[in-house]
Amino acid sequence: MPQIPYDKDNAERFLAAAIIAHYSALKEALTACAKAKGVNDLSWFDEIHHKALSEAKGTVTEQIPIDVEAKALKFGVDVIDAAFNSIRYDISK
């Protein structure tokens, strides 16, 4: 993945904006899938959800202390899970 420059003095704000942007993109993609595949059987959605969580849990980082890495990766997995649960609720309506 390429290095993307950001303002290190505002790292938390940049991270928040990145999470919001990723959520919006994920929601758009999954909503398009729902329109194409339908919402009566969301097994396709569940498969993507579980694959995303599995990939996130398998993430390996560099230059981060192991105790910080574990907490950060758990946070990342929790964010992904919450996003999928929210989107699932929205497309099921």
C-alpha atoms as a PDB file:
ATOM      1  CA  MET A   1       0.000   0.000   0.000  1.00  0.00           C
ATOM      2  CA  PRO A   2       1.414   3.413  -0.873  1.00  0.00           C
ATOM      3  CA  GLN A   3       2.368   5.898   1.823  1.00  0.00           C
ATOM      4  CA  ILE A   4      -0.302   8.576   2.109  1.00  0.00           C
ATOM      5  CA  PRO A   5       0.853  11.830   3.669  1.00  0.00           C
ATOM      6  CA  TYR A   6      -1.104  13.244   6.595  1.00  0.00           C
ATOM      7  CA  ASP A   7      -0.754  15.933   9.254  1.00  0.00           C
ATOM      8  CA  LYS A   8       0.844  14.104  12.191  1.00  0.00           C
ATOM      9  CA  ASP A   9      -0.276  16.894  14.542  1.00  0.00           C
ATOM     10  CA  ASN A  10      -3.876  16.000  13.665  1.00  0.00           C
ATOM     11  CA  ALA A  11      -3.510  12.232  13.310  1.00  0.00           C
ATOM     12  CA  GLU A  12      -6.681  11.445  15.280  1.00  0.00           C
ATOM     13  CA  ARG A  13      -8.756  13.738  13.079  1.00  0.00           C
ATOM     14  CA  PHE A  14      -7.252  12.221   9.948  1.00  0.00           C
ATOM     15  CA  LEU A  15      -7.989   8.712  11.264  1.00  0.00           C
ATOM     16  CA  ALA A  16     -11.596   9.672  12.029  1.00  0.00           C
ATOM     17  CA  ALA A  17     -12.035  11.087   8.534  1.00  0.00           C
ATOM     18  CA  ALA A  18     -10.516   7.940   7.013  1.00  0.00           C
ATOM     19  CA  ILE A  19     -12.891   5.709   8.992  1.00  0.00           C
ATOM     20  CA  ILE A  20     -15.885   7.787   7.877  1.00  0.00           C
ATOM     21  CA  ALA A  21     -14.756   7.670   4.243  1.00  0.00           C
ATOM     22  CA  HIS A  22     -14.201   3.901   4.371  1.00  0.00           C
ATOM     23  CA  TYR A  23     -17.600   3.368   5.983  1.00  0.00           C
ATOM     24  CA  SER A  24     -19.317   5.441   3.293  1.00  0.00           C
ATOM     25  CA  ALA A  25     -17.556   3.522   0.513  1.00  0.00           C
ATOM     26  CA  LEU A  26     -18.334   0.149   2.120  1.00  0.00           C
ATOM     27  CA  LYS A  27     -21.987   1.106   2.566  1.00  0.00           C
ATOM     28  CA  GLU A  28     -22.254   2.210  -1.056  1.00  0.00           C
ATOM     29  CA  ALA A  29     -20.684  -1.028  -2.319  1.00  0.00           C
ATOM     30  CA  LEU A  30     -22.805  -3.283  -0.120  1.00  0.00           C
ATOM     31  CA  THR A  31     -25.980  -1.352  -0.975  1.00  0.00           C
ATOM     32  CA  ALA A  32     -25.228  -1.876  -4.675  1.00  0.00           C
ATOM     33  CA  CYS A  33     -24.727  -5.599  -3.990  1.00  0.00           C
ATOM     34  CA  ALA A  34     -28.040  -5.693  -2.126  1.00  0.00           C
ATOM     35  CA  LYS A  35     -29.815  -4.129  -5.097  1.00  0.00           C
ATOM     36  CA  ALA A  36     -28.252  -6.705  -7.419  1.00  0.00           C
ATOM     37  CA  LYS A  37     -28.582  -9.771  -5.182  1.00  0.00           C
ATOM     38  CA  GLY A  38     -31.652  -8.892  -3.134  1.00  0.00           C
ATOM     39  CA  VAL A  39     -32.202  -8.778   0.590  1.00  0.00           C
ATOM     40  CA  ASN A  40     -34.401 -11.829   1.148  1.00  0.00           C
ATOM     41  CA  ASP A  41     -31.347 -14.049   1.602  1.00  0.00           C
ATOM     42  CA  LEU A  42     -28.392 -12.148   3.034  1.00  0.00           C
ATOM     43  CA  SER A  43     -26.021 -15.117   3.054  1.00  0.00           C
ATOM     44  CA  TRP A  44     -23.877 -13.257   0.489  1.00  0.00           C
ATOM     45  CA  PHE A  45     -23.652 -10.333   2.942  1.00  0.00           C
ATOM     46  CA  ASP A  46     -22.742 -12.612   5.835  1.00  0.00           C
ATOM     47  CA  GLU A  47     -20.027 -14.243   3.733  1.00  0.00           C
ATOM     48  CA  ILE A  48     -18.450 -10.867   2.922  1.00  0.00           C
ATOM     49  CA  HIS A  49     -18.782  -9.787   6.576  1.00  0.00           C
ATOM     50  CA  HIS A  50     -17.037 -12.899   7.877  1.00  0.00           C
ATOM     51  CA  LYS A  51     -14.311 -12.681   5.210  1.00  0.00           C
ATOM     52  CA  ALA A  52     -13.653  -9.030   6.115  1.00  0.00           C
ATOM     53  CA  LEU A  53     -13.358  -9.899   9.817  1.00  0.00           C
ATOM     54  CA  SER A  54     -11.091 -12.845   9.058  1.00  0.00           C
ATOM     55  CA  GLU A  55      -8.801 -10.696   6.901  1.00  0.00           C
ATOM     56  CA  ALA A  56      -8.670  -7.968   9.555  1.00  0.00           C
ATOM     57  CA  LYS A  57      -7.830 -10.458  12.299  1.00  0.00           C
ATOM     58  CA  GLY A  58      -4.957 -11.750  10.174  1.00  0.00           C
ATOM     59  CA  THR A  59      -3.379  -8.319   9.836  1.00  0.00           C
ATOM     60  CA  VAL A  60       0.295  -8.026  10.704  1.00  0.00           C
ATOM     61  CA  THR A  61       1.753  -4.650  11.589  1.00  0.00           C
ATOM     62  CA  GLU A  62       5.303  -3.394  11.804  1.00  0.00           C
ATOM     63  CA  GLN A  63       7.021  -1.046  14.229  1.00  0.00           C
ATOM     64  CA  ILE A  64       4.162  -1.114  16.736  1.00  0.00           C
ATOM     65  CA  PRO A  65       4.669  -2.504  20.250  1.00  0.00           C
ATOM     66  CA  ILE A  66       2.834  -5.822  20.589  1.00  0.00           C
ATOM     67  CA  ASP A  67       0.547  -4.623  23.397  1.00  0.00           C
ATOM     68  CA  VAL A  68      -0.511  -1.597  21.343  1.00  0.00           C
ATOM     69  CA  GLU A  69      -0.867  -3.721  18.220  1.00  0.00           C
ATOM     70  CA  ALA A  70      -3.245  -6.150  19.911  1.00  0.00           C
ATOM     71  CA  LYS A  71      -5.488  -3.350  21.188  1.00  0.00           C
ATOM     72  CA  ALA A  72      -5.350  -1.457  17.889  1.00  0.00           C
ATOM     73  CA  LEU A  73      -6.217  -4.538  15.833  1.00  0.00           C
ATOM     74  CA  LYS A  74      -9.105  -5.389  18.173  1.00  0.00           C
ATOM     75  CA  PHE A  75     -10.356  -1.823  17.717  1.00  0.00           C
ATOM     76  CA  GLY A  76     -10.082  -2.204  13.951  1.00  0.00           C
ATOM     77  CA  VAL A  77     -11.978  -5.491  13.978  1.00  0.00           C
ATOM     78  CA  ASP A  78     -14.651  -3.970  16.218  1.00  0.00           C
ATOM     79  CA  VAL A  79     -15.027  -1.003  13.840  1.00  0.00           C
ATOM     80  CA  ILE A  80     -15.418  -3.325  10.841  1.00  0.00           C
ATOM     81  CA  ASP A  81     -17.944  -5.476  12.694  1.00  0.00           C
ATOM     82  CA  ALA A  82     -19.975  -2.437  13.780  1.00  0.00           C
ATOM     83  CA  ALA A  83     -19.953  -1.061  10.226  1.00  0.00           C
ATOM     84  CA  PHE A  84     -21.234  -4.320   8.748  1.00  0.00           C
ATOM     85  CA  ASN A  85     -23.905  -4.648  11.443  1.00  0.00           C
ATOM     86  CA  SER A  86     -25.099  -1.091  10.812  1.00  0.00           C
ATOM     87  CA  ILE A  87     -25.165  -1.574   7.039  1.00  0.00           C
ATOM     88  CA  ARG A  88     -26.957  -4.921   7.387  1.00  0.00           C
ATOM     89  CA  TYR A  89     -29.643  -3.212   9.447  1.00  0.00           C
ATOM     90  CA  ASP A  90     -29.995  -0.407   6.876  1.00  0.00           C
ATOM     91  CA  ILE A  91     -30.289  -2.673   3.825  1.00  0.00           C
ATOM     92  CA  SER A  92     -32.728  -4.977   5.631  1.00  0.00           C
ATOM     93  CA  LYS A  93     -35.284  -2.210   6.125  1.00  0.00           C
END
